[in-house]
Amino acid sequence: MRVRDWQDILEDVMESNANPGDWRAVGGDRANGIGEDIYFGHPDAGVYQLKTYAKNPFEVQGVGSQVARRIDDDIDLLFPNDGSGIFGVQQGPADEDDAKEKAKNLETVLETHADAPTSPQALLEDMMDAMDSPAYGPMEFDHHDRPDQMTELTETFEEAEELLDAEFEDVIEEDVARGFY
């Protein structure tokens, strides 16, 4: 298992060529310390774990790793089919023309859904397709605690958790000055 910068892990997710709408995620507060834990799972691309924290409103720091190459039946039950929210991983536009094209596509999707009966799920899927999102899906996330699935995933990937936690603590110690100035 290789521990890498959290953005490198998101690059792996974006480049996986897995069906974008089949991703699922579980996230919440870290069990001990500042920051958040999140697990991304896809039946064909495996399971990834990230540990992040917001250094300031404009900068996020963290580490991550692929913790499983596939989702077996036991792990599959821990990822939501419907969640408390929905997540999406986006790539920035390649250039100004790409940005204009994505904006035009998104505008068309919103106009179409405004004029026709639709569901929130259908709107989201069409929006993600219009923006060429490489990964999106249901997410169970708790902003104040940890969903029960997080505890089970942490226990399932105990060795990875310990290694990622140690690496993450090193990142925090380098970035966070303690005390008053």
Protein backbone atom coordinates (compact mmCIF):
# COMPACT_ATOMS: atom_id res chain seq x y z
CA MET A 1 0.00 0.00 0.00
CA ARG A 2 1.36 3.38 -1.05
CA VAL A 3 0.40 6.49 0.90
CA ARG A 4 0.26 9.53 -1.35
CA ASP A 5 -1.06 13.07 -1.42
CA TRP A 6 -4.86 13.13 -1.38
CA GLN A 7 -5.00 14.91 -4.75
CA ASP A 8 -3.02 12.07 -6.36
CA ILE A 9 -5.71 9.68 -5.15
CA LEU A 10 -8.42 11.83 -6.73
CA GLU A 11 -6.40 11.76 -9.97
CA ASP A 12 -6.51 7.94 -9.80
CA VAL A 13 -10.29 8.11 -9.37
CA MET A 14 -10.64 10.51 -12.31
CA GLU A 15 -8.42 8.39 -14.56
CA SER A 16 -9.93 5.03 -13.59
CA ASN A 17 -12.22 4.80 -16.66
CA ALA A 18 -14.81 3.22 -14.35
CA ASN A 19 -18.49 3.99 -14.94
CA PRO A 20 -18.78 7.49 -13.36
CA GLY A 21 -22.22 6.94 -11.82
CA ASP A 22 -21.29 3.75 -9.95
CA TRP A 23 -19.10 5.43 -7.31
CA ARG A 24 -20.30 5.55 -3.70
CA ALA A 25 -18.78 7.21 -0.65
CA VAL A 26 -18.86 7.25 3.14
CA GLY A 27 -17.29 10.04 5.18
CA GLY A 28 -17.21 11.92 8.45
CA ASP A 29 -15.00 13.23 11.22
CA ARG A 30 -11.75 11.46 11.97
CA ALA A 31 -11.95 9.09 14.92
CA ASN A 32 -9.27 11.09 16.75
CA GLY A 33 -7.86 14.47 15.82
CA ILE A 34 -8.73 17.16 13.33
CA GLY A 35 -9.97 16.53 9.84
CA GLU A 36 -12.19 14.13 7.96
CA ASP A 37 -12.03 10.57 6.68
CA ILE A 38 -13.68 9.48 3.47
CA TYR A 39 -13.89 6.18 1.61
CA PHE A 40 -14.70 6.11 -2.13
CA GLY A 41 -15.78 2.78 -3.57
CA HIS A 42 -16.49 1.45 -7.05
CA PRO A 43 -17.24 -2.17 -7.99
CA ASP A 44 -14.57 -2.18 -10.73
CA ALA A 45 -12.05 0.39 -9.43
CA GLY A 46 -11.80 -0.65 -5.77
CA VAL A 47 -11.80 1.32 -2.53
CA TYR A 48 -9.82 4.46 -1.76
CA GLN A 49 -9.41 6.16 1.60
CA LEU A 50 -8.60 9.84 2.16
CA LYS A 51 -7.73 11.74 5.32
CA THR A 52 -7.97 15.51 4.88
CA TYR A 53 -8.27 18.74 6.78
CA ALA A 54 -8.85 22.33 5.74
CA LYS A 55 -5.67 24.24 6.53
CA ASN A 56 -7.59 27.40 5.68
CA PRO A 57 -10.66 28.17 3.55
CA PHE A 58 -8.57 27.97 0.39
CA GLU A 59 -6.27 25.03 1.06
CA VAL A 60 -6.90 21.39 1.93
CA GLN A 61 -4.11 19.05 3.03
CA GLY A 62 -4.23 15.29 3.31
CA VAL A 63 -3.11 11.81 2.38
CA GLY A 64 -4.75 8.75 0.91
CA SER A 65 -4.32 5.33 -0.57
CA GLN A 66 -6.09 2.59 -2.44
CA VAL A 67 -7.07 0.13 0.29
CA ALA A 68 -8.78 -2.54 -1.87
CA ARG A 69 -8.66 -3.40 -5.56
CA ARG A 70 -12.25 -4.65 -5.66
CA ILE A 71 -15.38 -4.39 -3.56
CA ASP A 72 -16.37 -7.78 -2.18
CA ASP A 73 -19.84 -8.57 -0.81
CA ASP A 74 -18.96 -7.67 2.80
CA ILE A 75 -17.60 -4.26 1.87
CA ASP A 76 -20.37 -3.56 -0.66
CA LEU A 77 -22.93 -3.46 2.15
CA LEU A 78 -21.01 -0.61 3.83
CA PHE A 79 -21.39 1.78 0.88
CA PRO A 80 -24.75 3.51 0.40
CA ASN A 81 -27.07 3.02 -2.53
CA ASP A 82 -28.89 6.14 -1.34
CA GLY A 83 -27.17 8.50 1.05
CA SER A 84 -27.59 11.66 3.03
CA GLY A 85 -26.07 13.45 0.07
CA ILE A 86 -24.40 13.07 -3.26
CA PHE A 87 -20.77 13.69 -4.13
CA GLY A 88 -19.02 14.43 -7.38
CA VAL A 89 -15.41 14.62 -8.45
CA GLN A 90 -14.80 17.27 -11.08
CA GLN A 91 -11.93 18.07 -13.37
CA GLY A 92 -11.38 21.72 -14.13
CA PRO A 93 -11.97 22.76 -17.73
CA ALA A 94 -8.97 22.25 -20.01
CA ASP A 95 -9.28 25.72 -21.50
CA GLU A 96 -11.73 28.56 -22.09
CA ASP A 97 -13.48 26.75 -24.96
CA ASP A 98 -13.98 23.66 -22.79
CA ALA A 99 -15.41 25.83 -20.00
CA LYS A 100 -17.86 27.48 -22.39
CA GLU A 101 -18.93 24.10 -23.80
CA LYS A 102 -19.55 22.64 -20.32
CA ALA A 103 -21.49 25.76 -19.27
CA LYS A 104 -23.64 25.53 -22.42
CA ASN A 105 -24.31 21.82 -21.82
CA LEU A 106 -25.24 22.48 -18.19
CA GLU A 107 -27.57 25.31 -19.18
CA THR A 108 -29.33 22.99 -21.65
CA VAL A 109 -29.76 20.33 -18.95
CA LEU A 110 -31.24 22.84 -16.50
CA GLU A 111 -33.64 24.24 -19.11
CA THR A 112 -34.75 20.73 -20.07
CA HIS A 113 -35.38 19.69 -16.46
CA ALA A 114 -37.20 22.95 -15.71
CA ASP A 115 -39.67 22.21 -18.50
CA ALA A 116 -40.28 18.52 -17.79
CA PRO A 117 -41.20 16.39 -14.78
CA THR A 118 -38.01 15.00 -13.32
CA SER A 119 -36.43 13.60 -10.18
CA PRO A 120 -33.49 15.01 -8.24
CA GLN A 121 -31.46 11.89 -9.11
CA ALA A 122 -32.14 12.29 -12.85
CA LEU A 123 -31.18 15.98 -12.68
CA LEU A 124 -27.93 15.16 -10.89
CA GLU A 125 -27.00 12.43 -13.36
CA ASP A 126 -27.67 14.69 -16.32
CA MET A 127 -25.68 17.54 -14.72
CA MET A 128 -22.72 15.26 -14.01
CA ASP A 129 -22.82 13.97 -17.59
CA ALA A 130 -22.98 17.54 -18.94
CA MET A 131 -19.90 18.48 -16.93
CA ASP A 132 -18.16 15.24 -17.93
CA SER A 133 -17.72 14.21 -14.29
CA PRO A 134 -15.41 11.22 -13.87
CA ALA A 135 -17.02 10.10 -10.57
CA TYR A 136 -20.25 10.76 -8.70
CA GLY A 137 -22.81 8.96 -6.64
CA PRO A 138 -24.58 8.61 -3.32
CA MET A 139 -22.72 9.54 -0.17
CA GLU A 140 -23.34 9.02 3.51
CA PHE A 141 -21.56 11.86 5.31
CA ASP A 142 -21.82 13.10 8.88
CA HIS A 143 -20.43 16.60 9.52
CA HIS A 144 -20.41 16.16 13.30
CA ASP A 145 -19.58 12.49 13.86
CA ARG A 146 -18.86 9.28 11.96
CA PRO A 147 -21.47 7.14 10.21
CA ASP A 148 -21.60 3.56 11.51
CA GLN A 149 -20.25 2.32 8.17
CA MET A 150 -17.05 4.35 8.78
CA THR A 151 -16.31 2.38 11.92
CA GLU A 152 -16.76 -0.91 10.08
CA LEU A 153 -14.63 0.24 7.13
CA THR A 154 -11.92 1.42 9.55
CA GLU A 155 -11.93 -2.00 11.25
CA THR A 156 -11.89 -3.79 7.88
CA PHE A 157 -8.86 -1.80 6.71
CA GLU A 158 -7.16 -1.56 10.12
CA GLU A 159 -3.57 -1.75 8.85
CA ALA A 160 -4.22 0.90 6.21
CA GLU A 161 -5.92 3.07 8.82
CA GLU A 162 -2.88 2.94 11.12
CA LEU A 163 -0.45 3.76 8.32
CA LEU A 164 -2.58 6.58 6.91
CA ASP A 165 -3.15 8.01 10.39
CA ALA A 166 0.60 8.12 11.07
CA GLU A 167 1.33 9.80 7.72
CA PHE A 168 -1.56 12.23 8.22
CA GLU A 169 -0.31 13.21 11.68
CA ASP A 170 3.06 14.06 10.08
CA VAL A 171 1.30 16.34 7.56
CA ILE A 172 -0.62 18.07 10.35
CA GLU A 173 2.49 18.58 12.48
CA GLU A 174 4.28 20.20 9.54
CA ASP A 175 1.35 22.54 8.84
CA VAL A 176 -0.24 23.38 12.16
CA ALA A 177 1.52 25.65 14.62
CA ARG A 178 0.27 25.08 18.12
CA GLY A 179 -0.05 27.77 20.77
CA PHE A 180 -0.50 31.52 20.72
CA TYR A 181 1.55 34.17 18.98
